N, C-alpha and C. Protein backbone atom coordinates (compact mmCIF):
# COMPACT_ATOMS: atom_id res chain seq x y z
N MET A 1 231.62 0.57 152.93
CA MET A 1 231.44 1.54 152.05
C MET A 1 230.63 0.93 150.73
N LYS A 2 229.84 1.94 150.46
CA LYS A 2 228.72 1.73 149.00
C LYS A 2 229.03 2.57 148.14
N ILE A 3 229.32 2.44 147.08
CA ILE A 3 229.79 3.49 146.02
C ILE A 3 228.82 2.85 144.73
N LEU A 4 228.12 3.74 144.21
CA LEU A 4 227.48 3.60 143.22
C LEU A 4 227.92 4.19 141.71
N MET A 5 227.97 3.25 140.92
CA MET A 5 228.65 3.78 139.38
C MET A 5 227.58 3.63 138.39
N LEU A 6 227.20 4.99 137.91
CA LEU A 6 225.93 5.18 137.13
C LEU A 6 226.54 5.55 135.97
N HIS A 7 226.33 4.48 134.90
CA HIS A 7 226.61 4.53 133.47
C HIS A 7 225.52 5.37 132.56
N GLY A 8 225.65 6.04 131.79
CA GLY A 8 224.56 6.61 131.26
C GLY A 8 224.28 5.93 129.48
N ILE A 9 223.63 6.84 128.84
CA ILE A 9 223.10 6.35 127.53
C ILE A 9 224.34 6.09 126.51
N ASN A 10 224.00 5.08 125.91
CA ASN A 10 224.75 4.23 124.84
C ASN A 10 226.17 3.66 125.47
N HIS A 11 226.19 3.65 126.63
CA HIS A 11 227.59 2.99 127.42
C HIS A 11 227.62 1.54 127.18
N ASN A 12 226.31 0.93 127.18
CA ASN A 12 226.04 -0.51 126.87
C ASN A 12 226.85 -0.82 125.42
N MET A 13 227.40 0.01 124.95
CA MET A 13 227.71 -0.05 123.47
C MET A 13 229.30 0.39 123.50
N PHE A 14 230.07 0.53 124.48
CA PHE A 14 231.40 0.53 124.68
C PHE A 14 231.97 -0.75 124.10
N GLY A 15 232.99 -0.74 123.59
CA GLY A 15 233.80 -1.67 122.74
C GLY A 15 233.51 -1.75 121.42
N ARG A 16 232.18 -1.15 120.93
CA ARG A 16 231.79 -1.24 119.59
C ARG A 16 231.64 0.46 119.27
N ARG A 17 231.56 1.21 119.95
CA ARG A 17 231.20 2.66 119.52
C ARG A 17 232.39 3.51 119.34
N ASP A 18 232.60 3.93 118.15
CA ASP A 18 233.72 4.90 118.05
C ASP A 18 235.06 4.61 119.05
N PRO A 19 235.50 3.26 118.49
CA PRO A 19 236.78 2.88 119.49
C PRO A 19 237.86 4.03 119.32
N LYS A 20 237.81 4.71 118.49
CA LYS A 20 238.96 5.74 118.47
C LYS A 20 239.02 6.69 119.51
N GLN A 21 237.59 7.05 119.88
CA GLN A 21 237.42 8.00 120.99
C GLN A 21 237.13 7.29 122.43
N TYR A 22 236.77 5.97 122.24
CA TYR A 22 236.18 5.45 123.53
C TYR A 22 237.15 4.13 123.96
N GLY A 23 238.12 3.65 122.70
CA GLY A 23 239.01 2.25 122.76
C GLY A 23 237.97 1.19 122.56
N THR A 24 238.52 0.14 122.95
CA THR A 24 237.67 -1.28 122.49
C THR A 24 237.00 -2.12 123.89
N VAL A 25 237.23 -1.28 125.22
CA VAL A 25 237.11 -2.04 126.25
C VAL A 25 235.57 -1.70 126.47
N THR A 26 234.69 -2.83 126.92
CA THR A 26 233.50 -3.24 126.97
C THR A 26 232.93 -2.74 128.59
N LEU A 27 231.84 -2.47 128.38
CA LEU A 27 231.26 -1.96 129.97
C LEU A 27 231.26 -2.87 130.77
N ASP A 28 231.36 -4.22 130.56
CA ASP A 28 231.55 -5.34 131.30
C ASP A 28 232.79 -5.46 132.11
N GLN A 29 234.07 -5.08 131.20
CA GLN A 29 235.13 -5.07 131.67
C GLN A 29 235.55 -3.93 132.49
N ILE A 30 234.54 -2.74 131.99
CA ILE A 30 235.06 -1.41 132.74
C ILE A 30 234.43 -2.03 134.42
N ASN A 31 233.26 -2.75 134.51
CA ASN A 31 232.64 -2.80 135.81
C ASN A 31 233.41 -3.70 136.38
N ASP A 32 234.09 -4.51 135.72
CA ASP A 32 234.81 -5.66 136.64
C ASP A 32 235.94 -5.14 137.04
N GLN A 33 236.48 -4.33 136.63
CA GLN A 33 237.63 -3.60 137.20
C GLN A 33 237.57 -2.43 138.26
N LEU A 34 236.23 -1.96 138.37
CA LEU A 34 235.82 -1.09 139.32
C LEU A 34 235.22 -1.95 140.28
N ILE A 35 234.80 -3.00 140.12
CA ILE A 35 234.60 -3.97 141.36
C ILE A 35 235.85 -4.47 142.05
N ALA A 36 236.86 -4.82 141.34
CA ALA A 36 238.15 -5.45 141.80
C ALA A 36 238.78 -4.43 142.67
N SER A 37 239.02 -3.01 141.74
CA SER A 37 239.62 -2.03 142.64
C SER A 37 239.05 -1.51 143.74
N GLY A 38 237.49 -1.60 143.89
CA GLY A 38 236.82 -1.53 144.79
C GLY A 38 236.99 -2.31 146.09
N ARG A 39 237.04 -3.63 145.72
CA ARG A 39 237.59 -4.29 146.52
C ARG A 39 238.93 -4.13 147.50
N GLU A 40 239.70 -3.90 146.55
CA GLU A 40 241.08 -3.48 147.20
C GLU A 40 241.16 -2.19 147.96
N LEU A 41 240.04 -1.30 147.66
CA LEU A 41 239.95 -0.16 148.67
C LEU A 41 239.00 -0.20 149.56
N GLY A 42 238.29 -1.30 149.88
CA GLY A 42 237.44 -1.53 150.95
C GLY A 42 235.92 -0.90 150.57
N ALA A 43 235.60 -0.66 149.27
CA ALA A 43 234.49 -0.46 148.93
C ALA A 43 233.62 -1.38 147.93
N ASP A 44 232.54 -1.58 148.13
CA ASP A 44 231.62 -2.29 147.56
C ASP A 44 231.04 -1.82 146.37
N VAL A 45 231.25 -1.64 145.12
CA VAL A 45 230.83 -0.82 144.07
C VAL A 45 229.75 -1.70 143.12
N GLU A 46 228.39 -0.88 143.27
CA GLU A 46 227.75 -1.41 142.39
C GLU A 46 227.29 -0.23 141.07
N HIS A 47 226.82 -1.12 140.03
CA HIS A 47 226.98 -0.25 138.64
C HIS A 47 225.70 -0.49 138.15
N PHE A 48 225.11 0.58 137.28
CA PHE A 48 223.83 0.51 136.71
C PHE A 48 223.87 1.38 135.64
N GLN A 49 223.43 0.65 134.43
CA GLN A 49 223.38 1.67 132.86
C GLN A 49 222.33 1.37 132.46
N THR A 50 221.65 2.44 131.81
CA THR A 50 220.26 2.61 131.29
C THR A 50 220.48 3.52 129.89
N ASN A 51 219.65 3.28 129.24
CA ASN A 51 219.32 4.03 128.24
C ASN A 51 218.48 5.19 128.03
N HIS A 52 217.44 5.01 129.61
CA HIS A 52 216.43 5.81 129.31
C HIS A 52 216.39 6.64 130.71
N GLU A 53 216.27 8.16 130.54
CA GLU A 53 216.72 9.02 131.44
C GLU A 53 215.77 8.90 132.65
N GLY A 54 214.49 8.53 132.64
CA GLY A 54 213.64 8.20 133.71
C GLY A 54 214.35 7.19 134.84
N GLU A 55 214.82 6.31 134.05
CA GLU A 55 215.10 4.96 134.63
C GLU A 55 216.25 5.55 135.62
N MET A 56 217.01 6.35 134.96
CA MET A 56 218.48 7.02 135.61
C MET A 56 218.04 7.56 136.86
N VAL A 57 217.07 8.71 136.63
CA VAL A 57 216.40 9.42 137.69
C VAL A 57 216.16 8.33 138.61
N GLU A 58 215.21 7.28 138.32
CA GLU A 58 214.72 6.57 139.46
C GLU A 58 215.84 5.60 140.33
N ARG A 59 216.82 5.44 139.58
CA ARG A 59 217.96 4.69 140.34
C ARG A 59 218.73 5.63 141.25
N ILE A 60 218.90 7.09 140.70
CA ILE A 60 219.58 8.13 141.79
C ILE A 60 218.62 8.30 142.90
N HIS A 61 217.23 8.24 142.82
CA HIS A 61 216.44 8.27 143.81
C HIS A 61 216.43 7.21 144.81
N LYS A 62 216.54 5.91 144.42
CA LYS A 62 216.98 4.79 145.25
C LYS A 62 218.36 5.00 145.90
N ALA A 63 219.35 5.52 145.34
CA ALA A 63 220.33 5.85 145.93
C ALA A 63 220.53 6.54 147.10
N PHE A 64 219.53 7.43 147.16
CA PHE A 64 219.32 8.40 148.21
C PHE A 64 218.82 7.47 149.31
N PHE A 65 217.69 6.79 149.27
CA PHE A 65 217.06 5.87 149.91
C PHE A 65 218.05 4.98 150.64
N ASP A 66 218.98 4.46 149.86
CA ASP A 66 219.94 3.34 150.00
C ASP A 66 221.02 3.99 150.94
N GLN A 67 221.20 5.40 151.08
CA GLN A 67 222.30 6.02 151.62
C GLN A 67 223.58 5.50 151.08
N VAL A 68 223.55 5.49 149.82
CA VAL A 68 224.92 4.95 149.29
C VAL A 68 226.04 6.31 149.78
N ASP A 69 227.33 5.72 149.87
CA ASP A 69 228.50 6.74 150.43
C ASP A 69 228.92 7.66 149.26
N ALA A 70 228.96 7.20 147.99
CA ALA A 70 229.53 8.00 146.90
C ALA A 70 228.66 7.40 145.76
N VAL A 71 228.77 8.47 144.78
CA VAL A 71 227.81 8.08 143.31
C VAL A 71 229.27 8.64 142.24
N LEU A 72 229.29 7.89 141.59
CA LEU A 72 230.38 7.94 140.05
C LEU A 72 229.49 8.33 139.12
N ILE A 73 229.49 8.92 138.35
CA ILE A 73 228.50 9.12 137.15
C ILE A 73 229.46 9.52 135.84
N ASN A 74 228.93 8.65 134.79
CA ASN A 74 229.27 9.02 133.58
C ASN A 74 227.97 9.09 132.77
N ALA A 75 227.62 9.99 132.64
CA ALA A 75 226.07 10.29 132.17
C ALA A 75 226.23 10.15 130.51
N GLY A 76 227.19 10.16 130.06
CA GLY A 76 227.18 10.26 128.31
C GLY A 76 226.66 11.79 128.13
N ALA A 77 226.04 11.55 127.03
CA ALA A 77 225.26 12.73 126.26
C ALA A 77 224.27 13.64 127.26
N TRP A 78 223.67 12.62 128.29
CA TRP A 78 223.03 13.60 129.12
C TRP A 78 223.82 14.73 130.00
N THR A 79 224.86 14.67 130.13
CA THR A 79 225.84 15.42 130.75
C THR A 79 225.47 16.80 130.22
N HIS A 80 225.32 17.13 128.93
CA HIS A 80 225.29 18.30 128.50
C HIS A 80 223.84 19.12 128.40
N TYR A 81 222.81 18.12 128.86
CA TYR A 81 221.49 18.87 128.71
C TYR A 81 220.53 18.48 129.64
N SER A 82 220.79 17.41 130.20
CA SER A 82 219.56 16.84 131.35
C SER A 82 219.65 17.16 132.62
N TYR A 83 218.65 18.45 132.79
CA TYR A 83 218.57 19.18 133.97
C TYR A 83 217.75 18.39 135.08
N GLY A 84 216.85 17.58 134.28
CA GLY A 84 216.07 16.45 135.25
C GLY A 84 217.23 15.53 135.95
N LEU A 85 218.00 14.81 135.17
CA LEU A 85 219.14 14.09 135.88
C LEU A 85 220.01 15.31 136.95
N ARG A 86 220.35 16.38 136.44
CA ARG A 86 221.10 17.37 137.54
C ARG A 86 220.10 17.51 138.72
N ASP A 87 218.89 17.55 138.60
CA ASP A 87 217.97 17.95 139.82
C ASP A 87 217.85 16.44 140.46
N ALA A 88 218.10 15.32 140.12
CA ALA A 88 217.86 14.27 140.70
C ALA A 88 219.23 13.94 141.61
N LEU A 89 220.26 14.43 141.01
CA LEU A 89 221.53 14.16 141.66
C LEU A 89 221.64 15.20 142.70
N ALA A 90 221.05 16.14 142.54
CA ALA A 90 221.32 17.50 143.67
C ALA A 90 220.70 17.00 144.83
N ILE A 91 219.86 16.01 144.94
CA ILE A 91 218.70 15.40 146.09
C ILE A 91 219.86 14.68 146.91
N LEU A 92 221.21 14.10 146.50
CA LEU A 92 221.69 13.18 147.21
C LEU A 92 222.94 14.27 147.97
N THR A 93 223.13 13.64 149.05
CA THR A 93 223.90 14.42 150.24
C THR A 93 225.46 13.79 150.69
N CYS A 94 225.74 12.80 149.27
CA CYS A 94 226.93 12.02 149.27
C CYS A 94 227.75 12.79 148.55
N PRO A 95 228.97 12.57 148.25
CA PRO A 95 229.93 12.93 146.87
C PRO A 95 229.88 12.36 145.68
N ILE A 96 229.68 13.24 144.89
CA ILE A 96 229.30 12.91 143.43
C ILE A 96 230.54 13.15 142.59
N ILE A 97 230.99 12.33 141.76
CA ILE A 97 232.49 12.35 141.14
C ILE A 97 231.50 12.30 139.50
N GLU A 98 231.86 13.34 138.76
CA GLU A 98 231.51 13.26 136.97
C GLU A 98 232.83 12.67 136.45
N LEU A 99 232.76 11.81 135.81
CA LEU A 99 233.82 11.35 134.89
C LEU A 99 233.00 11.07 133.49
N HIS A 100 234.33 10.88 132.46
CA HIS A 100 234.42 11.10 131.10
C HIS A 100 235.43 10.17 130.78
N MET A 101 235.40 9.47 129.81
CA MET A 101 236.36 8.61 129.28
C MET A 101 237.30 9.64 128.29
N SER A 102 236.65 10.28 127.75
CA SER A 102 237.16 11.23 126.62
C SER A 102 237.29 12.57 127.30
N ASN A 103 238.08 13.43 126.46
CA ASN A 103 238.40 14.80 127.24
C ASN A 103 237.24 15.59 126.64
N ILE A 104 235.97 15.84 127.37
CA ILE A 104 234.95 16.67 126.71
C ILE A 104 235.29 18.14 126.54
N HIS A 105 236.13 18.53 127.11
CA HIS A 105 236.73 20.00 126.67
C HIS A 105 237.30 20.05 125.61
N ALA A 106 237.94 19.13 124.95
CA ALA A 106 238.64 19.21 123.63
C ALA A 106 238.10 18.53 122.62
N ARG A 107 236.44 18.37 122.81
CA ARG A 107 235.78 17.87 121.82
C ARG A 107 234.73 18.69 121.13
N GLU A 108 233.61 18.34 120.77
CA GLU A 108 232.80 19.32 120.02
C GLU A 108 232.29 20.27 120.94
N THR A 109 231.89 21.61 120.41
CA THR A 109 231.51 22.77 121.44
C THR A 109 230.24 22.22 122.20
N PHE A 110 229.38 21.43 121.63
CA PHE A 110 228.17 21.16 122.67
C PHE A 110 228.74 20.19 123.79
N ARG A 111 229.64 19.61 123.53
CA ARG A 111 230.16 18.64 124.56
C ARG A 111 231.02 19.00 125.67
N ARG A 112 231.43 20.45 125.30
CA ARG A 112 232.27 21.25 126.63
C ARG A 112 231.68 21.78 127.83
N HIS A 113 230.28 21.74 127.74
CA HIS A 113 229.37 22.22 128.96
C HIS A 113 228.57 21.07 129.62
N SER A 114 228.89 20.77 130.84
CA SER A 114 228.26 20.16 131.73
C SER A 114 227.24 20.64 132.65
N VAL A 115 225.79 20.08 132.50
CA VAL A 115 224.93 20.81 133.38
C VAL A 115 225.20 20.25 134.93
N LEU A 116 225.93 19.33 134.75
CA LEU A 116 226.28 18.51 136.21
C LEU A 116 227.30 19.20 137.03
N ALA A 117 228.01 20.07 136.52
CA ALA A 117 229.27 20.38 136.95
C ALA A 117 229.04 21.15 138.37
N GLU A 118 228.13 21.85 138.29
CA GLU A 118 227.94 22.81 139.65
C GLU A 118 227.56 21.97 140.65
N ILE A 119 227.09 20.81 140.59
CA ILE A 119 226.56 20.02 141.71
C ILE A 119 227.42 18.79 142.35
N VAL A 120 228.39 18.57 141.23
CA VAL A 120 229.28 17.57 141.67
C VAL A 120 230.58 17.67 142.36
N GLN A 121 231.25 17.07 142.99
CA GLN A 121 232.43 17.37 143.44
C GLN A 121 233.52 17.49 142.58
N GLY A 122 233.51 17.01 141.71
CA GLY A 122 234.75 17.22 140.77
C GLY A 122 234.36 16.41 139.56
N GLN A 123 235.21 16.66 138.56
CA GLN A 123 234.97 16.19 137.21
C GLN A 123 236.46 15.28 136.64
N ILE A 124 236.36 14.24 136.40
CA ILE A 124 237.53 13.75 135.62
C ILE A 124 237.26 13.41 134.40
N ALA A 125 238.20 13.74 133.56
CA ALA A 125 238.08 13.42 131.94
C ALA A 125 239.27 13.34 131.08
N GLY A 126 239.04 12.32 130.19
CA GLY A 126 240.14 12.17 129.22
C GLY A 126 240.97 11.22 129.53
N PHE A 127 241.01 10.37 130.28
CA PHE A 127 241.89 9.05 130.48
C PHE A 127 241.43 7.61 130.49
N GLY A 128 240.46 7.90 129.29
CA GLY A 128 239.81 6.41 128.98
C GLY A 128 239.46 5.90 130.34
N VAL A 129 239.62 4.23 130.54
CA VAL A 129 239.13 3.55 131.95
C VAL A 129 239.83 4.26 132.97
N ASP A 130 240.90 4.83 132.60
CA ASP A 130 241.62 5.29 133.91
C ASP A 130 240.72 6.18 134.71
N SER A 131 240.03 7.05 133.97
CA SER A 131 238.81 7.79 134.56
C SER A 131 237.98 7.43 135.55
N TYR A 132 237.58 6.09 135.42
CA TYR A 132 236.76 5.42 136.19
C TYR A 132 237.35 5.13 137.51
N LEU A 133 238.64 4.45 137.10
CA LEU A 133 239.51 4.24 138.56
C LEU A 133 239.95 5.31 138.99
N LEU A 134 240.22 6.44 138.50
CA LEU A 134 240.60 7.66 139.03
C LEU A 134 239.38 8.16 140.04
N ALA A 135 238.24 8.46 139.43
CA ALA A 135 237.22 8.65 140.27
C ALA A 135 236.85 7.86 141.41
N LEU A 136 236.82 6.26 141.09
CA LEU A 136 236.78 5.54 142.39
C LEU A 136 237.61 6.15 143.54
N ARG A 137 238.95 6.12 143.12
CA ARG A 137 239.93 6.16 144.23
C ARG A 137 239.48 7.66 144.90
N THR A 138 238.92 8.83 144.16
CA THR A 138 238.72 9.92 144.73
C THR A 138 237.60 9.93 145.59
N ALA A 139 236.51 9.11 145.10
CA ALA A 139 235.13 8.83 146.01
C ALA A 139 235.58 8.21 147.43
N VAL A 140 236.35 7.37 147.03
CA VAL A 140 237.13 6.65 148.53
C VAL A 140 237.47 7.48 149.53
N SER A 141 238.41 8.20 148.95
CA SER A 141 239.13 9.46 149.67
C SER A 141 238.16 10.36 150.30
N ARG A 142 237.20 10.50 149.80
CA ARG A 142 236.16 11.55 150.23
C ARG A 142 235.16 11.11 151.30
N VAL A 143 235.08 9.65 151.39
CA VAL A 143 234.31 9.21 152.41
C VAL A 143 235.18 8.95 153.67
N GLN A 144 236.24 8.35 153.20
CA GLN A 144 237.05 8.02 154.19
C GLN A 144 237.37 9.32 155.30
N PRO A 145 237.57 8.88 156.71
CA PRO A 145 237.97 10.09 157.63
C PRO A 145 239.12 10.44 157.20
N ARG A 146 239.48 11.79 157.55
CA ARG A 146 240.85 12.63 157.38
C ARG A 146 241.32 13.28 158.31
N GLY A 147 241.52 12.62 159.47
CA GLY A 147 241.97 13.31 160.16
C GLY A 147 241.39 13.47 161.40
N PRO A 148 241.83 14.10 162.68
CA PRO A 148 241.12 14.03 163.92
C PRO A 148 239.60 14.55 163.98
N LYS A 149 239.06 15.07 163.21
CA LYS A 149 237.68 15.78 163.06
C LYS A 149 236.97 15.16 161.95
N ASN A 150 237.44 14.39 161.53
CA ASN A 150 236.68 13.28 160.44
C ASN A 150 236.22 14.50 159.18
N GLU A 151 237.17 15.22 158.96
CA GLU A 151 237.11 16.27 157.82
C GLU A 151 237.45 15.56 156.51
N ARG A 152 236.60 15.78 155.47
CA ARG A 152 236.74 15.42 154.11
C ARG A 152 237.14 16.72 153.15
């Protein structure tokens, strides 16, 4: 099972950026936890981070051709306005789980709307690093067969 974790803009600054909101965990630590948890769940987790929207779109296109089984995405600020990212994600035929470390619905007004929400399977927000791990478990459960008719 191949799962792609997409990290958005400014996530390379986790551990240094607004520790009150995001804690002190680094992106490398998050990725290490995802890879280890993925291994336990029988999934190969690949991760990608960029601060350039076009690069993120290109990586999503590659995910389509690579036929990944699921995508996890924390798009950061792009969540709230990037229709280009939304359109790229809409091309995918696999489950997509949107996640956020902070509770975007309890923050500034502009952060409460996700342009991705209509095309993702679901959204997990407000649990810090656990948001990533919950999203991974959710993705794995969506990909694995669930009964005699392989229903999801």
